[in-house]
Amino acid sequence: MALIDFKCTKCGKKFFEIIKPSEIGKIKCPDCGGDVKRVYEERSIGKHSNGESSGCGGNCSACSGCH
């Protein structure tokens, strides 16, 4: 399983799916049903001050402090 980022070629919505790589061609936009293309989004992974892993999205102003 992989976390894959997509962008709709019809409405422009960006979203991600956790799928098998073999399922990439089956994905449609959840909003309009349009075709999608795979995009590459930057992601950060950090740890909370208590040592637990965090899927930090990089928006530090909304974060409780994973750095």
PDB file of N, CA and C in Angstrom:
ATOM      1  N   MET A   1       0.851  -1.179   0.000  1.00  0.00           N
ATOM      2  CA  MET A   1       0.000   0.000   0.000  1.00  0.00           C
ATOM      3  C   MET A   1       0.897   1.243   0.000  1.00  0.00           C
ATOM      4  N   ALA A   2       0.425   2.262  -0.674  1.00  0.00           N
ATOM      5  CA  ALA A   2       1.186   3.504  -0.764  1.00  0.00           C
ATOM      6  C   ALA A   2       0.232   4.690  -0.689  1.00  0.00           C
ATOM      7  N   LEU A   3       0.721   5.793  -0.159  1.00  0.00           N
ATOM      8  CA  LEU A   3      -0.034   7.039  -0.137  1.00  0.00           C
ATOM      9  C   LEU A   3       0.325   7.771  -1.423  1.00  0.00           C
ATOM     10  N   ILE A   4      -0.656   7.941  -2.298  1.00  0.00           N
ATOM     11  CA  ILE A   4      -0.439   8.544  -3.612  1.00  0.00           C
ATOM     12  C   ILE A   4      -1.263   9.824  -3.711  1.00  0.00           C
ATOM     13  N   ASP A   5      -0.626  10.915  -4.149  1.00  0.00           N
ATOM     14  CA  ASP A   5      -1.305  12.194  -4.342  1.00  0.00           C
ATOM     15  C   ASP A   5      -1.806  12.298  -5.778  1.00  0.00           C
ATOM     16  N   PHE A   6      -3.001  12.877  -5.923  1.00  0.00           N
ATOM     17  CA  PHE A   6      -3.617  13.040  -7.234  1.00  0.00           C
ATOM     18  C   PHE A   6      -4.157  14.459  -7.382  1.00  0.00           C
ATOM     19  N   LYS A   7      -4.346  14.876  -8.638  1.00  0.00           N
ATOM     20  CA  LYS A   7      -5.020  16.136  -8.953  1.00  0.00           C
ATOM     21  C   LYS A   7      -5.979  15.867 -10.104  1.00  0.00           C
ATOM     22  N   CYS A   8      -7.205  16.341  -9.950  1.00  0.00           N
ATOM     23  CA  CYS A   8      -8.220  16.154 -10.980  1.00  0.00           C
ATOM     24  C   CYS A   8      -7.918  17.051 -12.183  1.00  0.00           C
ATOM     25  N   THR A   9      -7.979  16.469 -13.374  1.00  0.00           N
ATOM     26  CA  THR A   9      -7.731  17.251 -14.586  1.00  0.00           C
ATOM     27  C   THR A   9      -8.955  18.067 -14.997  1.00  0.00           C
ATOM     28  N   LYS A  10     -10.100  17.792 -14.372  1.00  0.00           N
ATOM     29  CA  LYS A  10     -11.341  18.508 -14.705  1.00  0.00           C
ATOM     30  C   LYS A  10     -11.593  19.679 -13.753  1.00  0.00           C
ATOM     31  N   CYS A  11     -11.611  19.413 -12.440  1.00  0.00           N
ATOM     32  CA  CYS A  11     -11.965  20.469 -11.479  1.00  0.00           C
ATOM     33  C   CYS A  11     -10.769  20.989 -10.672  1.00  0.00           C
ATOM     34  N   GLY A  12      -9.625  20.315 -10.751  1.00  0.00           N
ATOM     35  CA  GLY A  12      -8.427  20.784 -10.063  1.00  0.00           C
ATOM     36  C   GLY A  12      -8.278  20.346  -8.621  1.00  0.00           C
ATOM     37  N   LYS A  13      -9.224  19.572  -8.100  1.00  0.00           N
ATOM     38  CA  LYS A  13      -9.141  19.129  -6.705  1.00  0.00           C
ATOM     39  C   LYS A  13      -7.889  18.284  -6.494  1.00  0.00           C
ATOM     40  N   LYS A  14      -7.165  18.570  -5.389  1.00  0.00           N
ATOM     41  CA  LYS A  14      -6.030  17.748  -4.981  1.00  0.00           C
ATOM     42  C   LYS A  14      -6.476  16.862  -3.835  1.00  0.00           C
ATOM     43  N   PHE A  15      -6.068  15.598  -3.866  1.00  0.00           N
ATOM     44  CA  PHE A  15      -6.429  14.654  -2.815  1.00  0.00           C
ATOM     45  C   PHE A  15      -5.429  13.515  -2.822  1.00  0.00           C
ATOM     46  N   PHE A  16      -5.497  12.659  -1.809  1.00  0.00           N
ATOM     47  CA  PHE A  16      -4.626  11.492  -1.786  1.00  0.00           C
ATOM     48  C   PHE A  16      -5.440  10.250  -1.496  1.00  0.00           C
ATOM     49  N   GLU A  17      -4.896   9.122  -1.875  1.00  0.00           N
ATOM     50  CA  GLU A  17      -5.497   7.817  -1.626  1.00  0.00           C
ATOM     51  C   GLU A  17      -4.407   6.888  -1.107  1.00  0.00           C
ATOM     52  N   ILE A  18      -4.772   5.981  -0.237  1.00  0.00           N
ATOM     53  CA  ILE A  18      -3.863   4.927   0.195  1.00  0.00           C
ATOM     54  C   ILE A  18      -4.289   3.677  -0.564  1.00  0.00           C
ATOM     55  N   ILE A  19      -3.492   3.321  -1.559  1.00  0.00           N
ATOM     56  CA  ILE A  19      -3.866   2.257  -2.491  1.00  0.00           C
ATOM     57  C   ILE A  19      -2.659   1.401  -2.862  1.00  0.00           C
ATOM     58  N   LYS A  20      -2.945   0.300  -3.534  1.00  0.00           N
ATOM     59  CA  LYS A  20      -1.891  -0.497  -4.158  1.00  0.00           C
ATOM     60  C   LYS A  20      -1.479   0.239  -5.434  1.00  0.00           C
ATOM     61  N   PRO A  21      -0.188   0.281  -5.749  1.00  0.00           N
ATOM     62  CA  PRO A  21       0.238   0.962  -6.981  1.00  0.00           C
ATOM     63  C   PRO A  21      -0.475   0.451  -8.233  1.00  0.00           C
ATOM     64  N   SER A  22      -0.900  -0.794  -8.246  1.00  0.00           N
ATOM     65  CA  SER A  22      -1.605  -1.348  -9.408  1.00  0.00           C
ATOM     66  C   SER A  22      -3.001  -0.745  -9.594  1.00  0.00           C
ATOM     67  N   GLU A  23      -3.514  -0.023  -8.591  1.00  0.00           N
ATOM     68  CA  GLU A  23      -4.852   0.570  -8.657  1.00  0.00           C
ATOM     69  C   GLU A  23      -4.849   2.022  -9.125  1.00  0.00           C
ATOM     70  N   ILE A  24      -3.670   2.584  -9.427  1.00  0.00           N
ATOM     71  CA  ILE A  24      -3.571   4.002  -9.781  1.00  0.00           C
ATOM     72  C   ILE A  24      -4.493   4.363 -10.944  1.00  0.00           C
ATOM     73  N   GLY A  25      -4.564   3.547 -11.979  1.00  0.00           N
ATOM     74  CA  GLY A  25      -5.381   3.840 -13.154  1.00  0.00           C
ATOM     75  C   GLY A  25      -6.879   3.804 -12.914  1.00  0.00           C
ATOM     76  N   LYS A  26      -7.312   3.306 -11.765  1.00  0.00           N
ATOM     77  CA  LYS A  26      -8.741   3.190 -11.453  1.00  0.00           C
ATOM     78  C   LYS A  26      -9.291   4.387 -10.676  1.00  0.00           C
ATOM     79  N   ILE A  27      -8.428   5.292 -10.242  1.00  0.00           N
ATOM     80  CA  ILE A  27      -8.840   6.398  -9.372  1.00  0.00           C
ATOM     81  C   ILE A  27      -9.523   7.494 -10.183  1.00  0.00           C
ATOM     82  N   LYS A  28     -10.643   7.982  -9.661  1.00  0.00           N
ATOM     83  CA  LYS A  28     -11.379   9.114 -10.233  1.00  0.00           C
ATOM     84  C   LYS A  28     -11.530  10.177  -9.154  1.00  0.00           C
ATOM     85  N   CYS A  29     -11.795  11.396  -9.544  1.00  0.00           N
ATOM     86  CA  CYS A  29     -11.984  12.493  -8.601  1.00  0.00           C
ATOM     87  C   CYS A  29     -13.197  12.221  -7.712  1.00  0.00           C
ATOM     88  N   PRO A  30     -13.033  12.362  -6.382  1.00  0.00           N
ATOM     89  CA  PRO A  30     -14.168  12.131  -5.488  1.00  0.00           C
ATOM     90  C   PRO A  30     -15.240  13.217  -5.573  1.00  0.00           C
ATOM     91  N   ASP A  31     -14.890  14.395  -6.114  1.00  0.00           N
ATOM     92  CA  ASP A  31     -15.871  15.483  -6.217  1.00  0.00           C
ATOM     93  C   ASP A  31     -16.672  15.435  -7.515  1.00  0.00           C
ATOM     94  N   CYS A  32     -15.960  15.309  -8.647  1.00  0.00           N
ATOM     95  CA  CYS A  32     -16.665  15.417  -9.932  1.00  0.00           C
ATOM     96  C   CYS A  32     -16.602  14.149 -10.775  1.00  0.00           C
ATOM     97  N   GLY A  33     -15.828  13.154 -10.352  1.00  0.00           N
ATOM     98  CA  GLY A  33     -15.715  11.915 -11.113  1.00  0.00           C
ATOM     99  C   GLY A  33     -14.775  12.001 -12.303  1.00  0.00           C
ATOM    100  N   GLY A  34     -14.063  13.129 -12.422  1.00  0.00           N
ATOM    101  CA  GLY A  34     -13.157  13.328 -13.550  1.00  0.00           C
ATOM    102  C   GLY A  34     -11.892  12.491 -13.464  1.00  0.00           C
ATOM    103  N   ASP A  35     -11.161  12.473 -14.576  1.00  0.00           N
ATOM    104  CA  ASP A  35      -9.875  11.787 -14.615  1.00  0.00           C
ATOM    105  C   ASP A  35      -8.871  12.542 -13.751  1.00  0.00           C
ATOM    106  N   VAL A  36      -7.893  11.804 -13.240  1.00  0.00           N
ATOM    107  CA  VAL A  36      -6.889  12.406 -12.369  1.00  0.00           C
ATOM    108  C   VAL A  36      -5.495  12.093 -12.884  1.00  0.00           C
ATOM    109  N   LYS A  37      -4.542  12.901 -12.445  1.00  0.00           N
ATOM    110  CA  LYS A  37      -3.144  12.596 -12.713  1.00  0.00           C
ATOM    111  C   LYS A  37      -2.413  12.540 -11.381  1.00  0.00           C
ATOM    112  N   ARG A  38      -1.376  11.755 -11.353  1.00  0.00           N
ATOM    113  CA  ARG A  38      -0.580  11.630 -10.136  1.00  0.00           C
ATOM    114  C   ARG A  38       0.296  12.868 -10.007  1.00  0.00           C
ATOM    115  N   VAL A  39       0.350  13.422  -8.803  1.00  0.00           N
ATOM    116  CA  VAL A  39       1.227  14.555  -8.514  1.00  0.00           C
ATOM    117  C   VAL A  39       2.114  14.179  -7.337  1.00  0.00           C
ATOM    118  N   TYR A  40       3.172  14.930  -7.164  1.00  0.00           N
ATOM    119  CA  TYR A  40       4.117  14.654  -6.084  1.00  0.00           C
ATOM    120  C   TYR A  40       4.101  15.832  -5.123  1.00  0.00           C
ATOM    121  N   GLU A  41       3.561  15.597  -3.929  1.00  0.00           N
ATOM    122  CA  GLU A  41       3.451  16.621  -2.897  1.00  0.00           C
ATOM    123  C   GLU A  41       4.540  16.409  -1.853  1.00  0.00           C
ATOM    124  N   GLU A  42       5.083  17.500  -1.345  1.00  0.00           N
ATOM    125  CA  GLU A  42       6.089  17.414  -0.290  1.00  0.00           C
ATOM    126  C   GLU A  42       5.396  17.119   1.029  1.00  0.00           C
ATOM    127  N   ARG A  43       5.923  16.173   1.751  1.00  0.00           N
ATOM    128  CA  ARG A  43       5.392  15.815   3.064  1.00  0.00           C
ATOM    129  C   ARG A  43       6.538  15.771   4.051  1.00  0.00           C
ATOM    130  N   SER A  44       6.230  16.058   5.300  1.00  0.00           N
ATOM    131  CA  SER A  44       7.222  15.982   6.366  1.00  0.00           C
ATOM    132  C   SER A  44       6.749  14.993   7.406  1.00  0.00           C
ATOM    133  N   ILE A  45       7.675  14.309   8.005  1.00  0.00           N
ATOM    134  CA  ILE A  45       7.350  13.406   9.103  1.00  0.00           C
ATOM    135  C   ILE A  45       8.192  13.832  10.287  1.00  0.00           C
ATOM    136  N   GLY A  46       7.550  14.026  11.419  1.00  0.00           N
ATOM    137  CA  GLY A  46       8.263  14.462  12.611  1.00  0.00           C
ATOM    138  C   GLY A  46       7.845  13.657  13.814  1.00  0.00           C
ATOM    139  N   LYS A  47       8.223  14.143  14.956  1.00  0.00           N
ATOM    140  CA  LYS A  47       7.840  13.491  16.207  1.00  0.00           C
ATOM    141  C   LYS A  47       7.312  14.544  17.163  1.00  0.00           C
ATOM    142  N   HIS A  48       6.298  14.158  17.926  1.00  0.00           N
ATOM    143  CA  HIS A  48       5.787  15.015  18.982  1.00  0.00           C
ATOM    144  C   HIS A  48       6.799  15.036  20.118  1.00  0.00           C
ATOM    145  N   SER A  49       6.675  15.978  21.010  1.00  0.00           N
ATOM    146  CA  SER A  49       7.607  16.077  22.130  1.00  0.00           C
ATOM    147  C   SER A  49       7.578  14.843  23.019  1.00  0.00           C
ATOM    148  N   ASN A  50       6.489  14.059  22.969  1.00  0.00           N
ATOM    149  CA  ASN A  50       6.414  12.833  23.768  1.00  0.00           C
ATOM    150  C   ASN A  50       7.047  11.642  23.052  1.00  0.00           C
ATOM    151  N   GLY A  51       7.625  11.854  21.856  1.00  0.00           N
ATOM    152  CA  GLY A  51       8.319  10.799  21.135  1.00  0.00           C
ATOM    153  C   GLY A  51       7.478  10.042  20.132  1.00  0.00           C
ATOM    154  N   GLU A  52       6.159  10.280  20.104  1.00  0.00           N
ATOM    155  CA  GLU A  52       5.301   9.579  19.154  1.00  0.00           C
ATOM    156  C   GLU A  52       5.461  10.185  17.765  1.00  0.00           C
ATOM    157  N   SER A  53       5.389   9.343  16.741  1.00  0.00           N
ATOM    158  CA  SER A  53       5.518   9.807  15.364  1.00  0.00           C
ATOM    159  C   SER A  53       4.340  10.685  14.977  1.00  0.00           C
ATOM    160  N   SER A  54       4.597  11.603  14.067  1.00  0.00           N
ATOM    161  CA  SER A  54       3.579  12.524  13.592  1.00  0.00           C
ATOM    162  C   SER A  54       3.647  12.607  12.083  1.00  0.00           C
ATOM    163  N   GLY A  55       2.511  12.657  11.426  1.00  0.00           N
ATOM    164  CA  GLY A  55       2.468  12.894   9.991  1.00  0.00           C
ATOM    165  C   GLY A  55       2.339  14.379   9.747  1.00  0.00           C
ATOM    166  N   CYS A  56       3.339  15.119  10.096  1.00  0.00           N
ATOM    167  CA  CYS A  56       3.307  16.578  10.018  1.00  0.00           C
ATOM    168  C   CYS A  56       3.063  17.025   8.588  1.00  0.00           C
ATOM    169  N   GLY A  57       2.133  17.933   8.406  1.00  0.00           N
ATOM    170  CA  GLY A  57       1.849  18.463   7.084  1.00  0.00           C
ATOM    171  C   GLY A  57       2.654  19.691   6.739  1.00  0.00           C
ATOM    172  N   GLY A  58       3.532  20.134   7.643  1.00  0.00           N
ATOM    173  CA  GLY A  58       4.375  21.280   7.376  1.00  0.00           C
ATOM    174  C   GLY A  58       3.736  22.616   7.696  1.00  0.00           C
ATOM    175  N   ASN A  59       2.493  22.640   8.185  1.00  0.00           N
ATOM    176  CA  ASN A  59       1.818  23.879   8.542  1.00  0.00           C
ATOM    177  C   ASN A  59       2.081  24.165  10.012  1.00  0.00           C
ATOM    178  N   CYS A  60       3.251  24.708  10.304  1.00  0.00           N
ATOM    179  CA  CYS A  60       3.685  24.870  11.690  1.00  0.00           C
ATOM    180  C   CYS A  60       2.807  25.825  12.499  1.00  0.00           C
ATOM    181  N   SER A  61       2.120  26.755  11.853  1.00  0.00           N
ATOM    182  CA  SER A  61       1.267  27.673  12.605  1.00  0.00           C
ATOM    183  C   SER A  61       0.053  26.962  13.193  1.00  0.00           C
ATOM    184  N   ALA A  62      -0.334  25.822  12.614  1.00  0.00           N
ATOM    185  CA  ALA A  62      -1.479  25.064  13.119  1.00  0.00           C
ATOM    186  C   ALA A  62      -1.049  23.849  13.929  1.00  0.00           C
ATOM    187  N   CYS A  63       0.245  23.708  14.131  1.00  0.00           N
ATOM    188  CA  CYS A  63       0.804  22.509  14.759  1.00  0.00           C
ATOM    189  C   CYS A  63       0.951  22.703  16.264  1.00  0.00           C
ATOM    190  N   SER A  64       0.822  21.597  16.989  1.00  0.00           N
ATOM    191  CA  SER A  64       1.015  21.654  18.441  1.00  0.00           C
ATOM    192  C   SER A  64       2.466  21.431  18.829  1.00  0.00           C
ATOM    193  N   GLY A  65       3.340  21.308  17.859  1.00  0.00           N
ATOM    194  CA  GLY A  65       4.760  21.228  18.155  1.00  0.00           C
ATOM    195  C   GLY A  65       5.392  19.875  17.970  1.00  0.00           C
ATOM    196  N   CYS A  66       5.620  19.476  16.746  1.00  0.00           N
ATOM    197  CA  CYS A  66       6.269  18.184  16.503  1.00  0.00           C
ATOM    198  C   CYS A  66       7.772  18.327  16.330  1.00  0.00           C
ATOM    199  N   HIS A  67       8.272  19.542  16.258  1.00  0.00           N
ATOM    200  CA  HIS A  67       9.712  19.744  16.020  1.00  0.00           C
ATOM    201  C   HIS A  67      10.456  19.859  17.323  1.00  0.00           C
TER     202      HIS A  67
END
